[in-house]
Amino acid sequence: MDLSSDIRVLIEGLQRELAELRTENTALKQEVSDLRRQLGNSSSNSSKPPSSEGLPSSCAAPDHALALTAIRRGW
């Protein structure tokens, strides 16, 4: 093989790799776009019911003492 054949083979390999990387890049851009869209969705702007989001931290389970008080008072 002479130098021009080696260079031609190298260029062809690089062109194949470039095509593969472009395809992968397109797929990754689509995935990022989809994930950003999902991240922006909440029950107020999507079809998901509010119950699927779980409770906010301020509505978490009450303190043990508060629960006992509620039981004693019959709440």
N, C-alpha and C. Protein backbone atom coordinates (compact mmCIF):
# COMPACT_ATOMS: atom_id res chain seq x y z
N MET A 1 0.84 -1.20 0.00
CA MET A 1 0.00 0.00 0.00
C MET A 1 0.87 1.24 0.00
N ASP A 2 0.50 2.17 -0.80
CA ASP A 2 1.24 3.42 -0.80
C ASP A 2 0.53 4.43 0.10
N LEU A 3 1.16 5.56 0.24
CA LEU A 3 0.66 6.59 1.15
C LEU A 3 -0.72 7.08 0.76
N SER A 4 -1.00 7.24 -0.51
CA SER A 4 -2.31 7.75 -0.93
C SER A 4 -3.41 6.72 -0.63
N SER A 5 -3.13 5.43 -0.72
CA SER A 5 -4.11 4.40 -0.36
C SER A 5 -4.38 4.41 1.13
N ASP A 6 -3.33 4.57 1.91
CA ASP A 6 -3.48 4.63 3.37
C ASP A 6 -4.34 5.83 3.77
N ILE A 7 -4.07 6.94 3.14
CA ILE A 7 -4.84 8.15 3.44
C ILE A 7 -6.30 7.97 3.04
N ARG A 8 -6.54 7.35 1.90
CA ARG A 8 -7.90 7.12 1.43
C ARG A 8 -8.66 6.23 2.42
N VAL A 9 -8.01 5.17 2.89
CA VAL A 9 -8.63 4.26 3.86
C VAL A 9 -8.92 5.01 5.16
N LEU A 10 -7.99 5.81 5.58
CA LEU A 10 -8.17 6.60 6.80
C LEU A 10 -9.34 7.57 6.66
N ILE A 11 -9.42 8.25 5.54
CA ILE A 11 -10.51 9.20 5.29
C ILE A 11 -11.86 8.48 5.27
N GLU A 12 -11.92 7.33 4.63
CA GLU A 12 -13.18 6.57 4.59
C GLU A 12 -13.61 6.13 5.98
N GLY A 13 -12.66 5.71 6.79
CA GLY A 13 -12.97 5.33 8.17
C GLY A 13 -13.49 6.51 8.98
N LEU A 14 -12.85 7.64 8.80
CA LEU A 14 -13.27 8.85 9.51
C LEU A 14 -14.65 9.32 9.05
N GLN A 15 -14.94 9.16 7.77
CA GLN A 15 -16.26 9.54 7.26
C GLN A 15 -17.35 8.64 7.86
N ARG A 16 -17.06 7.34 7.98
CA ARG A 16 -18.03 6.42 8.60
C ARG A 16 -18.26 6.80 10.06
N GLU A 17 -17.17 7.08 10.76
CA GLU A 17 -17.27 7.44 12.17
C GLU A 17 -18.05 8.75 12.34
N LEU A 18 -17.81 9.71 11.47
CA LEU A 18 -18.53 10.97 11.51
C LEU A 18 -20.03 10.76 11.30
N ALA A 19 -20.39 9.91 10.36
CA ALA A 19 -21.80 9.63 10.10
C ALA A 19 -22.45 8.99 11.33
N GLU A 20 -21.74 8.05 11.98
CA GLU A 20 -22.26 7.40 13.19
C GLU A 20 -22.44 8.42 14.31
N LEU A 21 -21.47 9.29 14.48
CA LEU A 21 -21.55 10.29 15.54
C LEU A 21 -22.67 11.30 15.29
N ARG A 22 -22.89 11.64 14.04
CA ARG A 22 -24.00 12.55 13.71
C ARG A 22 -25.34 11.90 14.05
N THR A 23 -25.48 10.60 13.73
CA THR A 23 -26.71 9.88 14.04
C THR A 23 -26.93 9.82 15.55
N GLU A 24 -25.87 9.51 16.28
CA GLU A 24 -25.97 9.45 17.74
C GLU A 24 -26.30 10.82 18.32
N ASN A 25 -25.70 11.85 17.78
CA ASN A 25 -25.96 13.21 18.25
C ASN A 25 -27.43 13.59 18.05
N THR A 26 -27.99 13.25 16.91
CA THR A 26 -29.40 13.54 16.64
C THR A 26 -30.29 12.82 17.64
N ALA A 27 -29.99 11.55 17.92
CA ALA A 27 -30.79 10.78 18.88
C ALA A 27 -30.68 11.38 20.28
N LEU A 28 -29.49 11.78 20.67
CA LEU A 28 -29.29 12.37 22.00
C LEU A 28 -30.00 13.71 22.13
N LYS A 29 -29.99 14.51 21.08
CA LYS A 29 -30.70 15.78 21.11
C LYS A 29 -32.20 15.55 21.30
N GLN A 30 -32.74 14.54 20.63
CA GLN A 30 -34.16 14.21 20.78
C GLN A 30 -34.46 13.76 22.21
N GLU A 31 -33.56 12.95 22.77
CA GLU A 31 -33.76 12.48 24.14
C GLU A 31 -33.74 13.64 25.13
N VAL A 32 -32.81 14.55 24.97
CA VAL A 32 -32.74 15.73 25.84
C VAL A 32 -34.01 16.56 25.72
N SER A 33 -34.48 16.74 24.50
CA SER A 33 -35.71 17.49 24.27
C SER A 33 -36.89 16.82 24.97
N ASP A 34 -37.00 15.50 24.84
CA ASP A 34 -38.08 14.76 25.49
C ASP A 34 -38.00 14.88 27.01
N LEU A 35 -36.80 14.75 27.56
CA LEU A 35 -36.63 14.85 29.01
C LEU A 35 -36.95 16.24 29.52
N ARG A 36 -36.56 17.27 28.77
CA ARG A 36 -36.88 18.64 29.18
C ARG A 36 -38.39 18.87 29.17
N ARG A 37 -39.06 18.30 28.19
CA ARG A 37 -40.51 18.43 28.10
C ARG A 37 -41.17 17.73 29.30
N GLN A 38 -40.68 16.54 29.64
CA GLN A 38 -41.22 15.81 30.79
C GLN A 38 -40.96 16.57 32.09
N LEU A 39 -39.80 17.16 32.20
CA LEU A 39 -39.44 17.91 33.40
C LEU A 39 -40.35 19.11 33.59
N GLY A 40 -40.77 19.72 32.49
CA GLY A 40 -41.64 20.89 32.56
C GLY A 40 -43.09 20.57 32.82
N ASN A 41 -43.47 19.29 32.73
CA ASN A 41 -44.85 18.92 32.94
C ASN A 41 -45.18 18.76 34.42
N SER A 42 -46.34 19.23 34.80
CA SER A 42 -46.89 19.00 36.12
C SER A 42 -48.38 18.82 35.94
N SER A 43 -49.11 18.57 37.01
CA SER A 43 -50.54 18.34 36.86
C SER A 43 -51.26 19.57 36.31
N SER A 44 -50.67 20.74 36.50
CA SER A 44 -51.33 21.96 36.01
C SER A 44 -51.16 22.16 34.51
N ASN A 45 -50.14 21.52 33.91
CA ASN A 45 -49.95 21.71 32.47
C ASN A 45 -49.82 20.38 31.72
N SER A 46 -50.29 19.31 32.32
CA SER A 46 -50.26 18.02 31.63
C SER A 46 -51.55 17.27 31.92
N SER A 47 -51.67 16.10 31.35
CA SER A 47 -52.88 15.31 31.57
C SER A 47 -52.78 14.45 32.82
N LYS A 48 -51.68 14.56 33.56
CA LYS A 48 -51.52 13.76 34.77
C LYS A 48 -52.41 14.31 35.88
N PRO A 49 -53.05 13.44 36.66
CA PRO A 49 -53.83 13.93 37.79
C PRO A 49 -52.91 14.40 38.91
N PRO A 50 -53.36 15.36 39.71
CA PRO A 50 -52.52 15.87 40.80
C PRO A 50 -52.07 14.77 41.76
N SER A 51 -52.89 13.74 41.93
CA SER A 51 -52.53 12.68 42.87
C SER A 51 -51.28 11.93 42.45
N SER A 52 -50.91 12.00 41.18
CA SER A 52 -49.72 11.28 40.72
C SER A 52 -48.43 11.99 41.11
N GLU A 53 -48.52 13.21 41.57
CA GLU A 53 -47.32 13.96 41.94
C GLU A 53 -46.88 13.72 43.37
N GLY A 54 -47.73 13.15 44.20
CA GLY A 54 -47.37 12.96 45.59
C GLY A 54 -47.60 14.24 46.38
N LEU A 55 -47.40 14.15 47.67
CA LEU A 55 -47.63 15.30 48.54
C LEU A 55 -46.39 16.19 48.60
N PRO A 56 -46.59 17.50 48.67
CA PRO A 56 -45.44 18.36 48.89
C PRO A 56 -44.89 18.13 50.29
N SER A 57 -43.64 18.51 50.52
CA SER A 57 -43.01 18.24 51.81
C SER A 57 -43.77 18.91 52.96
N SER A 58 -44.46 20.01 52.72
CA SER A 58 -45.19 20.68 53.79
C SER A 58 -46.43 19.90 54.20
N CYS A 59 -46.85 18.94 53.37
CA CYS A 59 -48.03 18.13 53.68
C CYS A 59 -47.64 16.72 54.08
N ALA A 60 -46.40 16.52 54.43
CA ALA A 60 -45.95 15.18 54.78
C ALA A 60 -46.65 14.73 56.06
N ALA A 61 -46.40 13.50 56.46
CA ALA A 61 -47.05 12.94 57.64
C ALA A 61 -46.87 13.85 58.84
N PRO A 62 -47.91 14.02 59.67
CA PRO A 62 -47.81 14.91 60.82
C PRO A 62 -46.87 14.35 61.88
N ASP A 63 -46.44 15.23 62.76
CA ASP A 63 -45.60 14.80 63.87
C ASP A 63 -46.36 13.79 64.72
N HIS A 64 -45.62 12.96 65.38
CA HIS A 64 -46.22 11.93 66.22
C HIS A 64 -47.08 12.57 67.32
N ALA A 65 -46.58 13.62 67.95
CA ALA A 65 -47.32 14.28 69.03
C ALA A 65 -48.62 14.88 68.50
N LEU A 66 -48.58 15.47 67.34
CA LEU A 66 -49.78 16.06 66.75
C LEU A 66 -50.80 14.97 66.43
N ALA A 67 -50.33 13.84 65.94
CA ALA A 67 -51.24 12.73 65.65
C ALA A 67 -51.89 12.21 66.93
N LEU A 68 -51.13 12.10 68.00
CA LEU A 68 -51.70 11.64 69.27
C LEU A 68 -52.74 12.62 69.80
N THR A 69 -52.46 13.91 69.68
CA THR A 69 -53.42 14.93 70.11
C THR A 69 -54.71 14.80 69.32
N ALA A 70 -54.60 14.60 68.01
CA ALA A 70 -55.78 14.46 67.17
C ALA A 70 -56.59 13.24 67.58
N ILE A 71 -55.92 12.15 67.90
CA ILE A 71 -56.63 10.93 68.31
C ILE A 71 -57.35 11.16 69.63
N ARG A 72 -56.65 11.79 70.59
CA ARG A 72 -57.24 12.04 71.91
C ARG A 72 -58.45 12.95 71.82
N ARG A 73 -58.40 13.92 70.93
CA ARG A 73 -59.51 14.87 70.81
C ARG A 73 -60.61 14.37 69.89
N GLY A 74 -60.38 13.25 69.26
CA GLY A 74 -61.38 12.67 68.37
C GLY A 74 -61.50 13.36 67.03
N TRP A 75 -60.41 13.91 66.57
CA TRP A 75 -60.44 14.59 65.26
C TRP A 75 -60.49 13.59 64.21
